[in-house]
Protein backbone atom coordinates (compact mmCIF):
# COMPACT_ATOMS: atom_id res chain seq x y z
CA MET A 1 -63.64 -82.50 -14.12
CA SER A 2 -63.81 -85.56 -11.89
CA TRP A 3 -67.54 -85.59 -12.19
CA ILE A 4 -67.10 -85.48 -16.36
CA ILE A 5 -64.53 -88.03 -16.26
CA LEU A 6 -67.05 -90.53 -13.80
CA ILE A 7 -70.03 -89.88 -16.27
CA VAL A 8 -67.89 -90.90 -18.92
CA ALA A 9 -66.52 -93.58 -17.36
CA GLY A 10 -70.53 -94.80 -16.85
CA LEU A 11 -71.02 -94.39 -20.93
CA PHE A 12 -68.21 -97.33 -20.87
CA GLU A 13 -69.71 -99.50 -18.87
CA VAL A 14 -73.12 -98.99 -20.55
CA GLY A 15 -70.84 -99.99 -23.64
CA PHE A 16 -69.17 -103.14 -22.42
CA ALA A 17 -72.14 -103.97 -21.36
CA ALA A 18 -73.81 -103.64 -24.88
CA SER A 19 -71.10 -105.39 -26.56
CA LEU A 20 -71.03 -108.19 -24.27
CA GLY A 21 -74.51 -109.24 -25.05
CA LYS A 22 -74.24 -108.44 -29.03
CA ALA A 23 -70.55 -110.87 -28.77
CA ARG A 24 -72.59 -113.61 -27.18
CA GLU A 25 -75.30 -113.27 -30.29
CA THR A 26 -72.70 -113.35 -32.69
CA GLN A 27 -70.29 -115.47 -34.42
CA GLY A 28 -67.20 -115.46 -36.19
CA ALA A 29 -65.23 -112.13 -36.91
CA GLU A 30 -67.89 -110.25 -36.12
CA ALA A 31 -68.35 -111.70 -32.35
CA ALA A 32 -63.77 -111.18 -32.74
CA LEU A 33 -65.19 -107.02 -33.14
CA TRP A 34 -67.28 -107.19 -30.70
CA TRP A 35 -65.54 -108.46 -28.05
CA THR A 36 -62.56 -106.67 -29.00
CA SER A 37 -65.03 -103.43 -27.98
CA PHE A 38 -65.56 -105.08 -25.00
CA VAL A 39 -62.40 -105.41 -23.55
CA ILE A 40 -61.61 -101.71 -24.61
CA CYS A 41 -64.54 -100.31 -22.82
CA LEU A 42 -63.58 -102.51 -19.98
CA PHE A 43 -60.39 -101.00 -19.64
CA LEU A 44 -61.29 -97.20 -20.47
CA SER A 45 -64.50 -97.66 -17.83
CA MET A 46 -61.98 -98.73 -14.73
CA ALA A 47 -59.47 -96.37 -15.73
CA LEU A 48 -61.51 -93.52 -16.21
CA LEU A 49 -63.29 -95.05 -12.75
CA PHE A 50 -59.79 -95.10 -11.03
CA ARG A 51 -59.08 -91.83 -12.29
CA ALA A 52 -62.65 -89.98 -11.20
CA THR A 53 -62.16 -91.39 -7.45
CA ARG A 54 -58.77 -89.92 -6.80
CA ASP A 55 -60.17 -86.83 -6.55
CA LEU A 56 -63.97 -86.86 -5.61
CA PRO A 57 -64.43 -86.71 -1.77
CA MET A 58 -65.68 -90.68 -0.61
CA GLY A 59 -68.84 -90.58 2.22
């Protein structure tokens, strides 16, 4: 299960990188939505990475 969580966390990493790029290109309300998407994806990515690394063997 931890490997699936790790893969989903990686997808959220892609999401926050794409959101950051779009947020810098837009203005106004659309930019606010992209920044919100960035923060949500960043939080979910880090939370899922933390969860996955608790159970995966390191080294």
